[in-house]
Amino acid sequence: TPYCKVGLGICYDMRFAEMAQIYGQKGCQLLIYPGAFNMTTG
């Protein structure tokens, strides 16, 4: 975007730190995770 590079994950993807680190290495300054955690994990 004209503002920054954005990285995407979905819900369970957020548990995997390596994925976020790769996005950081690729120059992302914002990560967005659409997600639906439940009443146990939330």
All heavy atoms as atom14 arrays in JSON, in Angstrom:
{
  "sequence": "TPYCKVGLGICYDMRFAEMAQIYGQKGCQLLIYPGAFNMTTG",
  "atom14_mask": [
    [1, 1, 1, 1, 1, 1, 1, 0, 0, 0, 0, 0, 0, 0],
    [1, 1, 1, 1, 1, 1, 1, 0, 0, 0, 0, 0, 0, 0],
    [1, 1, 1, 1, 1, 1, 1, 1, 1, 1, 1, 1, 0, 0],
    [1, 1, 1, 1, 1, 1, 0, 0, 0, 0, 0, 0, 0, 0],
    [1, 1, 1, 1, 1, 1, 1, 1, 1, 0, 0, 0, 0, 0],
    [1, 1, 1, 1, 1, 1, 1, 0, 0, 0, 0, 0, 0, 0],
    [1, 1, 1, 1, 0, 0, 0, 0, 0, 0, 0, 0, 0, 0],
    [1, 1, 1, 1, 1, 1, 1, 1, 0, 0, 0, 0, 0, 0],
    [1, 1, 1, 1, 0, 0, 0, 0, 0, 0, 0, 0, 0, 0],
    [1, 1, 1, 1, 1, 1, 1, 1, 0, 0, 0, 0, 0, 0],
    [1, 1, 1, 1, 1, 1, 0, 0, 0, 0, 0, 0, 0, 0],
    [1, 1, 1, 1, 1, 1, 1, 1, 1, 1, 1, 1, 0, 0],
    [1, 1, 1, 1, 1, 1, 1, 1, 0, 0, 0, 0, 0, 0],
    [1, 1, 1, 1, 1, 1, 1, 1, 0, 0, 0, 0, 0, 0],
    [1, 1, 1, 1, 1, 1, 1, 1, 1, 1, 1, 0, 0, 0],
    [1, 1, 1, 1, 1, 1, 1, 1, 1, 1, 1, 0, 0, 0],
    [1, 1, 1, 1, 1, 0, 0, 0, 0, 0, 0, 0, 0, 0],
    [1, 1, 1, 1, 1, 1, 1, 1, 1, 0, 0, 0, 0, 0],
    [1, 1, 1, 1, 1, 1, 1, 1, 0, 0, 0, 0, 0, 0],
    [1, 1, 1, 1, 1, 0, 0, 0, 0, 0, 0, 0, 0, 0],
    [1, 1, 1, 1, 1, 1, 1, 1, 1, 0, 0, 0, 0, 0],
    [1, 1, 1, 1, 1, 1, 1, 1, 0, 0, 0, 0, 0, 0],
    [1, 1, 1, 1, 1, 1, 1, 1, 1, 1, 1, 1, 0, 0],
    [1, 1, 1, 1, 0, 0, 0, 0, 0, 0, 0, 0, 0, 0],
    [1, 1, 1, 1, 1, 1, 1, 1, 1, 0, 0, 0, 0, 0],
    [1, 1, 1, 1, 1, 1, 1, 1, 1, 0, 0, 0, 0, 0],
    [1, 1, 1, 1, 0, 0, 0, 0, 0, 0, 0, 0, 0, 0],
    [1, 1, 1, 1, 1, 1, 0, 0, 0, 0, 0, 0, 0, 0],
    [1, 1, 1, 1, 1, 1, 1, 1, 1, 0, 0, 0, 0, 0],
    [1, 1, 1, 1, 1, 1, 1, 1, 0, 0, 0, 0, 0, 0],
    [1, 1, 1, 1, 1, 1, 1, 1, 0, 0, 0, 0, 0, 0],
    [1, 1, 1, 1, 1, 1, 1, 1, 0, 0, 0, 0, 0, 0],
    [1, 1, 1, 1, 1, 1, 1, 1, 1, 1, 1, 1, 0, 0],
    [1, 1, 1, 1, 1, 1, 1, 0, 0, 0, 0, 0, 0, 0],
    [1, 1, 1, 1, 0, 0, 0, 0, 0, 0, 0, 0, 0, 0],
    [1, 1, 1, 1, 1, 0, 0, 0, 0, 0, 0, 0, 0, 0],
    [1, 1, 1, 1, 1, 1, 1, 1, 1, 1, 1, 0, 0, 0],
    [1, 1, 1, 1, 1, 1, 1, 1, 0, 0, 0, 0, 0, 0],
    [1, 1, 1, 1, 1, 1, 1, 1, 0, 0, 0, 0, 0, 0],
    [1, 1, 1, 1, 1, 1, 1, 0, 0, 0, 0, 0, 0, 0],
    [1, 1, 1, 1, 1, 1, 1, 0, 0, 0, 0, 0, 0, 0],
    [1, 1, 1, 1, 0, 0, 0, 0, 0, 0, 0, 0, 0, 0]
  ],
  "atom14_positions": [
    [[0.87, -1.17, 0.0], [0.0, 0.0, 0.0], [0.91, 1.23, 0.0], [2.12, 1.1, 0.22], [-0.9, 0.04, 1.25], [-0.1, 0.43, 2.39], [-1.55, -1.3, 1.53], [0.0, 0.0, 0.0], [0.0, 0.0, 0.0], [0.0, 0.0, 0.0], [0.0, 0.0, 0.0], [0.0, 0.0, 0.0], [0.0, 0.0, 0.0], [0.0, 0.0, 0.0]],
    [[0.37, 2.43, -0.21], [1.21, 3.62, -0.11], [1.72, 3.86, 1.31], [2.63, 4.67, 1.51], [0.26, 4.75, -0.52], [-0.84, 4.09, -1.27], [-0.99, 2.75, -0.66], [0.0, 0.0, 0.0], [0.0, 0.0, 0.0], [0.0, 0.0, 0.0], [0.0, 0.0, 0.0], [0.0, 0.0, 0.0], [0.0, 0.0, 0.0], [0.0, 0.0, 0.0]],
    [[1.17, 3.14, 2.27], [1.52, 3.34, 3.67], [2.6, 2.37, 4.13], [3.59, 2.78, 4.75], [0.27, 3.18, 4.54], [-0.96, 3.78, 3.91], [-1.99, 2.97, 3.41], [-1.08, 5.16, 3.73], [-3.1, 3.52, 2.79], [-2.19, 5.71, 3.11], [-3.2, 4.88, 2.64], [-4.3, 5.42, 2.01], [0.0, 0.0, 0.0], [0.0, 0.0, 0.0]],
    [[2.42, 1.1, 3.85], [3.38, 0.08, 4.25], [3.04, -1.23, 3.56], [1.99, -1.37, 2.94], [3.39, -0.1, 5.76], [1.87, -0.82, 6.45], [0.0, 0.0, 0.0], [0.0, 0.0, 0.0], [0.0, 0.0, 0.0], [0.0, 0.0, 0.0], [0.0, 0.0, 0.0], [0.0, 0.0, 0.0], [0.0, 0.0, 0.0], [0.0, 0.0, 0.0]],
    [[3.96, -2.19, 3.69], [3.69, -3.54, 3.21], [2.97, -4.3, 4.32], [3.29, -4.18, 5.49], [4.99, -4.26, 2.85], [4.79, -5.72, 2.4], [6.08, -6.37, 1.95], [6.44, -5.94, 0.55], [7.56, -6.78, 0.0], [0.0, 0.0, 0.0], [0.0, 0.0, 0.0], [0.0, 0.0, 0.0], [0.0, 0.0, 0.0], [0.0, 0.0, 0.0]],
    [[1.97, -5.11, 3.92], [1.13, -5.83, 4.86], [1.28, -7.33, 4.62], [1.27, -7.79, 3.48], [-0.34, -5.42, 4.71], [-1.21, -6.16, 5.72], [-0.5, -3.9, 4.87], [0.0, 0.0, 0.0], [0.0, 0.0, 0.0], [0.0, 0.0, 0.0], [0.0, 0.0, 0.0], [0.0, 0.0, 0.0], [0.0, 0.0, 0.0], [0.0, 0.0, 0.0]],
    [[1.4, -8.11, 5.71], [1.44, -9.56, 5.62], [0.15, -10.16, 6.13], [-0.47, -9.63, 7.06], [0.0, 0.0, 0.0], [0.0, 0.0, 0.0], [0.0, 0.0, 0.0], [0.0, 0.0, 0.0], [0.0, 0.0, 0.0], [0.0, 0.0, 0.0], [0.0, 0.0, 0.0], [0.0, 0.0, 0.0], [0.0, 0.0, 0.0], [0.0, 0.0, 0.0]],
    [[-0.27, -11.27, 5.53], [-1.55, -11.9, 5.86], [-1.38, -13.29, 6.45], [-0.56, -14.09, 6.0], [-2.41, -12.03, 4.59], [-2.89, -10.75, 3.92], [-3.6, -11.11, 2.62], [-3.82, -9.97, 4.84], [0.0, 0.0, 0.0], [0.0, 0.0, 0.0], [0.0, 0.0, 0.0], [0.0, 0.0, 0.0], [0.0, 0.0, 0.0], [0.0, 0.0, 0.0]],
    [[-2.19, -13.57, 7.46], [-2.36, -14.92, 7.98], [-3.82, -15.08, 8.33], [-4.58, -14.1, 8.37], [0.0, 0.0, 0.0], [0.0, 0.0, 0.0], [0.0, 0.0, 0.0], [0.0, 0.0, 0.0], [0.0, 0.0, 0.0], [0.0, 0.0, 0.0], [0.0, 0.0, 0.0], [0.0, 0.0, 0.0], [0.0, 0.0, 0.0], [0.0, 0.0, 0.0]],
    [[-4.24, -16.3, 8.58], [-5.62, -16.54, 8.99], [-5.62, -17.36, 10.27], [-5.11, -18.48, 10.3], [-6.41, -17.3, 7.9], [-6.48, -16.47, 6.6], [-7.82, -17.62, 8.38], [-7.17, -17.19, 5.45], [0.0, 0.0, 0.0], [0.0, 0.0, 0.0], [0.0, 0.0, 0.0], [0.0, 0.0, 0.0], [0.0, 0.0, 0.0], [0.0, 0.0, 0.0]],
    [[-6.13, -16.75, 11.33], [-6.43, -17.43, 12.59], [-5.28, -18.3, 13.11], [-4.32, -17.79, 13.68], [-7.72, -18.23, 12.43], [-8.54, -18.63, 14.0], [0.0, 0.0, 0.0], [0.0, 0.0, 0.0], [0.0, 0.0, 0.0], [0.0, 0.0, 0.0], [0.0, 0.0, 0.0], [0.0, 0.0, 0.0], [0.0, 0.0, 0.0], [0.0, 0.0, 0.0]],
    [[-5.32, -19.59, 12.9], [-4.34, -20.53, 13.43], [-2.93, -20.22, 12.94], [-1.95, -20.55, 13.61], [-4.75, -21.95, 13.03], [-4.17, -23.07, 13.88], [-4.29, -23.06, 15.26], [-3.56, -24.16, 13.26], [-3.77, -24.11, 16.02], [-3.05, -25.2, 14.01], [-3.15, -25.17, 15.4], [-2.65, -26.21, 16.15], [0.0, 0.0, 0.0], [0.0, 0.0, 0.0]],
    [[-2.8, -19.55, 11.8], [-1.49, -19.14, 11.29], [-0.74, -18.29, 12.32], [0.49, -18.28, 12.35], [-1.63, -18.32, 10.0], [-1.99, -19.16, 8.78], [-1.76, -20.39, 8.79], [-2.49, -18.57, 7.79], [0.0, 0.0, 0.0], [0.0, 0.0, 0.0], [0.0, 0.0, 0.0], [0.0, 0.0, 0.0], [0.0, 0.0, 0.0], [0.0, 0.0, 0.0]],
    [[-1.49, -17.57, 13.16], [-0.87, -16.66, 14.12], [-0.04, -17.4, 15.17], [0.86, -16.83, 15.78], [-1.95, -15.81, 14.8], [-1.41, -14.76, 15.74], [-2.62, -13.53, 16.24], [-3.89, -14.55, 17.03], [0.0, 0.0, 0.0], [0.0, 0.0, 0.0], [0.0, 0.0, 0.0], [0.0, 0.0, 0.0], [0.0, 0.0, 0.0], [0.0, 0.0, 0.0]],
    [[-0.31, -18.67, 15.38], [0.44, -19.43, 16.39], [1.85, -19.77, 15.94], [2.66, -20.22, 16.75], [-0.31, -20.73, 16.73], [-1.58, -20.5, 17.53], [-2.16, -21.81, 18.02], [-3.36, -21.61, 18.82], [-3.38, -21.39, 20.13], [-2.25, -21.37, 20.8], [-4.52, -21.21, 20.77], [0.0, 0.0, 0.0], [0.0, 0.0, 0.0], [0.0, 0.0, 0.0]],
    [[2.16, -19.56, 14.68], [3.44, -20.01, 14.13], [4.35, -18.79, 13.95], [4.25, -18.04, 12.98], [3.2, -20.78, 12.84], [2.39, -22.03, 13.09], [1.0, -21.97, 13.11], [3.01, -23.23, 13.4], [0.23, -23.1, 13.39], [2.26, -24.37, 13.68], [0.88, -24.31, 13.67], [0.0, 0.0, 0.0], [0.0, 0.0, 0.0], [0.0, 0.0, 0.0]],
    [[5.26, -18.63, 14.93], [6.11, -17.45, 14.98], [7.0, -17.31, 13.75], [7.33, -16.2, 13.33], [6.97, -17.5, 16.25], [0.0, 0.0, 0.0], [0.0, 0.0, 0.0], [0.0, 0.0, 0.0], [0.0, 0.0, 0.0], [0.0, 0.0, 0.0], [0.0, 0.0, 0.0], [0.0, 0.0, 0.0], [0.0, 0.0, 0.0], [0.0, 0.0, 0.0]],
    [[7.38, -18.45, 13.17], [8.26, -18.4, 12.0], [7.61, -17.68, 10.83], [8.28, -16.97, 10.07], [8.66, -19.83, 11.58], [9.43, -20.6, 12.63], [8.54, -21.32, 13.64], [7.31, -21.1, 13.63], [9.09, -22.11, 14.43], [0.0, 0.0, 0.0], [0.0, 0.0, 0.0], [0.0, 0.0, 0.0], [0.0, 0.0, 0.0], [0.0, 0.0, 0.0]],
    [[6.32, -17.86, 10.68], [5.61, -17.22, 9.57], [5.65, -15.7, 9.72], [5.93, -14.97, 8.76], [4.16, -17.72, 9.54], [3.38, -17.29, 8.33], [1.76, -18.13, 8.31], [1.11, -17.51, 6.75], [0.0, 0.0, 0.0], [0.0, 0.0, 0.0], [0.0, 0.0, 0.0], [0.0, 0.0, 0.0], [0.0, 0.0, 0.0], [0.0, 0.0, 0.0]],
    [[5.41, -15.22, 10.94], [5.46, -13.78, 11.19], [6.88, -13.25, 10.99], [7.07, -12.14, 10.47], [4.98, -13.48, 12.6], [0.0, 0.0, 0.0], [0.0, 0.0, 0.0], [0.0, 0.0, 0.0], [0.0, 0.0, 0.0], [0.0, 0.0, 0.0], [0.0, 0.0, 0.0], [0.0, 0.0, 0.0], [0.0, 0.0, 0.0], [0.0, 0.0, 0.0]],
    [[7.87, -14.04, 11.37], [9.25, -13.59, 11.21], [9.62, -13.46, 9.73], [10.3, -12.5, 9.34], [10.21, -14.57, 11.9], [11.65, -14.08, 11.92], [12.55, -14.96, 12.77], [12.1, -15.65, 13.69], [13.84, -14.95, 12.47], [0.0, 0.0, 0.0], [0.0, 0.0, 0.0], [0.0, 0.0, 0.0], [0.0, 0.0, 0.0], [0.0, 0.0, 0.0]],
    [[9.15, -14.39, 8.93], [9.39, -14.28, 7.48], [8.76, -13.0, 6.94], [9.37, -12.27, 6.14], [8.81, -15.5, 6.74], [9.62, -16.76, 7.07], [8.77, -15.26, 5.23], [11.03, -16.78, 6.53], [0.0, 0.0, 0.0], [0.0, 0.0, 0.0], [0.0, 0.0, 0.0], [0.0, 0.0, 0.0], [0.0, 0.0, 0.0], [0.0, 0.0, 0.0]],
    [[7.54, -12.69, 7.38], [6.9, -11.46, 6.94], [7.71, -10.24, 7.35], [7.85, -9.28, 6.58], [5.48, -11.36, 7.51], [4.46, -12.19, 6.77], [3.46, -12.88, 7.45], [4.48, -12.28, 5.39], [2.51, -13.63, 6.78], [3.53, -13.03, 4.71], [2.55, -13.71, 5.41], [1.62, -14.45, 4.73], [0.0, 0.0, 0.0], [0.0, 0.0, 0.0]],
    [[8.26, -10.26, 8.55], [9.11, -9.17, 8.97], [10.34, -9.04, 8.09], [10.74, -7.93, 7.7], [0.0, 0.0, 0.0], [0.0, 0.0, 0.0], [0.0, 0.0, 0.0], [0.0, 0.0, 0.0], [0.0, 0.0, 0.0], [0.0, 0.0, 0.0], [0.0, 0.0, 0.0], [0.0, 0.0, 0.0], [0.0, 0.0, 0.0], [0.0, 0.0, 0.0]],
    [[10.95, -10.17, 7.75], [12.12, -10.17, 6.87], [11.78, -9.62, 5.48], [12.63, -9.03, 4.81], [12.68, -11.58, 6.75], [13.3, -12.13, 8.02], [13.68, -13.6, 7.9], [13.52, -14.22, 6.84], [14.17, -14.17, 8.99], [0.0, 0.0, 0.0], [0.0, 0.0, 0.0], [0.0, 0.0, 0.0], [0.0, 0.0, 0.0], [0.0, 0.0, 0.0]],
    [[10.54, -9.82, 5.06], [10.1, -9.36, 3.74], [9.71, -7.87, 3.76], [9.27, -7.34, 2.74], [8.93, -10.2, 3.24], [9.32, -11.64, 2.9], [8.11, -12.53, 2.69], [7.42, -12.27, 1.37], [8.23, -12.68, 0.21], [0.0, 0.0, 0.0], [0.0, 0.0, 0.0], [0.0, 0.0, 0.0], [0.0, 0.0, 0.0], [0.0, 0.0, 0.0]],
    [[9.83, -7.22, 4.91], [9.57, -5.79, 4.99], [8.18, -5.39, 5.44], [7.82, -4.21, 5.37], [0.0, 0.0, 0.0], [0.0, 0.0, 0.0], [0.0, 0.0, 0.0], [0.0, 0.0, 0.0], [0.0, 0.0, 0.0], [0.0, 0.0, 0.0], [0.0, 0.0, 0.0], [0.0, 0.0, 0.0], [0.0, 0.0, 0.0], [0.0, 0.0, 0.0]],
    [[7.39, -6.34, 5.94], [6.05, -5.99, 6.42], [6.15, -5.19, 7.73], [6.97, -5.51, 8.59], [5.23, -7.25, 6.66], [4.88, -8.18, 5.15], [0.0, 0.0, 0.0], [0.0, 0.0, 0.0], [0.0, 0.0, 0.0], [0.0, 0.0, 0.0], [0.0, 0.0, 0.0], [0.0, 0.0, 0.0], [0.0, 0.0, 0.0], [0.0, 0.0, 0.0]],
    [[5.31, -4.18, 7.84], [5.23, -3.4, 9.06], [3.88, -3.58, 9.77], [3.7, -3.08, 10.88], [5.46, -1.92, 8.75], [6.9, -1.64, 8.26], [7.1, -0.2, 7.88], [6.38, 0.36, 7.05], [8.1, 0.43, 8.46], [0.0, 0.0, 0.0], [0.0, 0.0, 0.0], [0.0, 0.0, 0.0], [0.0, 0.0, 0.0], [0.0, 0.0, 0.0]],
    [[3.0, -4.29, 9.13], [1.68, -4.59, 9.68], [1.31, -6.02, 9.29], [1.43, -6.38, 8.11], [0.64, -3.61, 9.15], [-0.84, -3.93, 9.41], [-1.16, -3.91, 10.91], [-1.75, -2.94, 8.66], [0.0, 0.0, 0.0], [0.0, 0.0, 0.0], [0.0, 0.0, 0.0], [0.0, 0.0, 0.0], [0.0, 0.0, 0.0], [0.0, 0.0, 0.0]],
    [[0.9, -6.82, 10.26], [0.37, -8.16, 10.0], [-1.11, -8.16, 10.36], [-1.49, -7.64, 11.41], [1.1, -9.22, 10.82], [2.61, -9.31, 10.67], [3.15, -10.48, 11.5], [3.03, -9.43, 9.22], [0.0, 0.0, 0.0], [0.0, 0.0, 0.0], [0.0, 0.0, 0.0], [0.0, 0.0, 0.0], [0.0, 0.0, 0.0], [0.0, 0.0, 0.0]],
    [[-1.92, -8.73, 9.51], [-3.35, -8.81, 9.77], [-3.79, -10.27, 9.73], [-3.52, -10.98, 8.76], [-4.16, -7.97, 8.76], [-3.78, -6.49, 8.92], [-5.66, -8.17, 8.98], [-4.58, -5.56, 8.04], [0.0, 0.0, 0.0], [0.0, 0.0, 0.0], [0.0, 0.0, 0.0], [0.0, 0.0, 0.0], [0.0, 0.0, 0.0], [0.0, 0.0, 0.0]],
    [[-4.45, -10.68, 10.81], [-4.94, -12.05, 10.94], [-6.45, -12.03, 11.14], [-6.92, -11.86, 12.28], [-4.3, -12.74, 12.15], [-2.82, -12.96, 12.1], [-1.95, -12.02, 12.66], [-2.27, -14.1, 11.54], [-0.57, -12.21, 12.65], [-0.89, -14.32, 11.53], [-0.05, -13.36, 12.08], [1.31, -13.56, 12.08], [0.0, 0.0, 0.0], [0.0, 0.0, 0.0]],
    [[-7.25, -12.2, 10.1], [-8.66, -12.51, 10.34], [-8.71, -13.84, 11.09], [-8.01, -14.79, 10.72], [-9.25, -12.65, 8.93], [-8.27, -11.94, 8.04], [-6.93, -12.15, 8.66], [0.0, 0.0, 0.0], [0.0, 0.0, 0.0], [0.0, 0.0, 0.0], [0.0, 0.0, 0.0], [0.0, 0.0, 0.0], [0.0, 0.0, 0.0], [0.0, 0.0, 0.0]],
    [[-9.49, -13.91, 12.16], [-9.47, -15.13, 12.96], [-10.76, -15.33, 13.73], [-11.51, -14.38, 13.97], [0.0, 0.0, 0.0], [0.0, 0.0, 0.0], [0.0, 0.0, 0.0], [0.0, 0.0, 0.0], [0.0, 0.0, 0.0], [0.0, 0.0, 0.0], [0.0, 0.0, 0.0], [0.0, 0.0, 0.0], [0.0, 0.0, 0.0], [0.0, 0.0, 0.0]],
    [[-10.98, -16.55, 14.14], [-12.17, -16.88, 14.94], [-11.76, -17.83, 16.06], [-12.09, -19.01, 16.04], [-13.26, -17.5, 14.07], [0.0, 0.0, 0.0], [0.0, 0.0, 0.0], [0.0, 0.0, 0.0], [0.0, 0.0, 0.0], [0.0, 0.0, 0.0], [0.0, 0.0, 0.0], [0.0, 0.0, 0.0], [0.0, 0.0, 0.0], [0.0, 0.0, 0.0]],
    [[-10.98, -17.3, 17.02], [-10.66, -18.11, 18.19], [-11.96, -18.38, 18.94], [-12.95, -17.66, 18.8], [-9.68, -17.37, 19.1], [-8.22, -17.58, 18.71], [-7.83, -17.63, 17.39], [-7.25, -17.7, 19.68], [-6.5, -17.81, 17.03], [-5.92, -17.88, 19.35], [-5.54, -17.94, 18.03], [0.0, 0.0, 0.0], [0.0, 0.0, 0.0], [0.0, 0.0, 0.0]],
    [[-11.95, -19.42, 19.75], [-13.18, -19.86, 20.43], [-13.13, -19.52, 21.92], [-12.22, -18.84, 22.39], [-13.37, -21.36, 20.2], [-12.14, -22.15, 20.59], [-11.8, -22.25, 21.76], [-11.42, -22.68, 19.6], [0.0, 0.0, 0.0], [0.0, 0.0, 0.0], [0.0, 0.0, 0.0], [0.0, 0.0, 0.0], [0.0, 0.0, 0.0], [0.0, 0.0, 0.0]],
    [[-14.12, -20.01, 22.65], [-14.25, -19.64, 24.06], [-13.26, -20.37, 24.97], [-13.16, -20.07, 26.15], [-15.69, -19.9, 24.52], [-16.73, -19.11, 23.76], [-16.48, -17.32, 23.88], [-16.9, -17.07, 25.61], [0.0, 0.0, 0.0], [0.0, 0.0, 0.0], [0.0, 0.0, 0.0], [0.0, 0.0, 0.0], [0.0, 0.0, 0.0], [0.0, 0.0, 0.0]],
    [[-12.5, -21.31, 24.4], [-11.43, -21.96, 25.14], [-10.09, -21.3, 24.84], [-9.37, -20.87, 25.75], [-11.35, -23.47, 24.8], [-12.56, -24.11, 25.21], [-10.17, -24.13, 25.51], [0.0, 0.0, 0.0], [0.0, 0.0, 0.0], [0.0, 0.0, 0.0], [0.0, 0.0, 0.0], [0.0, 0.0, 0.0], [0.0, 0.0, 0.0], [0.0, 0.0, 0.0]],
    [[-9.76, -21.2, 23.56], [-8.46, -20.64, 23.18], [-8.44, -19.12, 23.19], [-7.38, -18.51, 23.36], [-8.06, -21.14, 21.78], [-9.04, -20.7, 20.81], [-7.95, -22.65, 21.74], [0.0, 0.0, 0.0], [0.0, 0.0, 0.0], [0.0, 0.0, 0.0], [0.0, 0.0, 0.0], [0.0, 0.0, 0.0], [0.0, 0.0, 0.0], [0.0, 0.0, 0.0]],
    [[-9.6, -18.5, 23.02], [-9.66, -17.05, 22.98], [-9.16, -16.37, 24.24], [-8.2, -15.59, 24.21], [0.0, 0.0, 0.0], [0.0, 0.0, 0.0], [0.0, 0.0, 0.0], [0.0, 0.0, 0.0], [0.0, 0.0, 0.0], [0.0, 0.0, 0.0], [0.0, 0.0, 0.0], [0.0, 0.0, 0.0], [0.0, 0.0, 0.0], [0.0, 0.0, 0.0]]
  ]
}
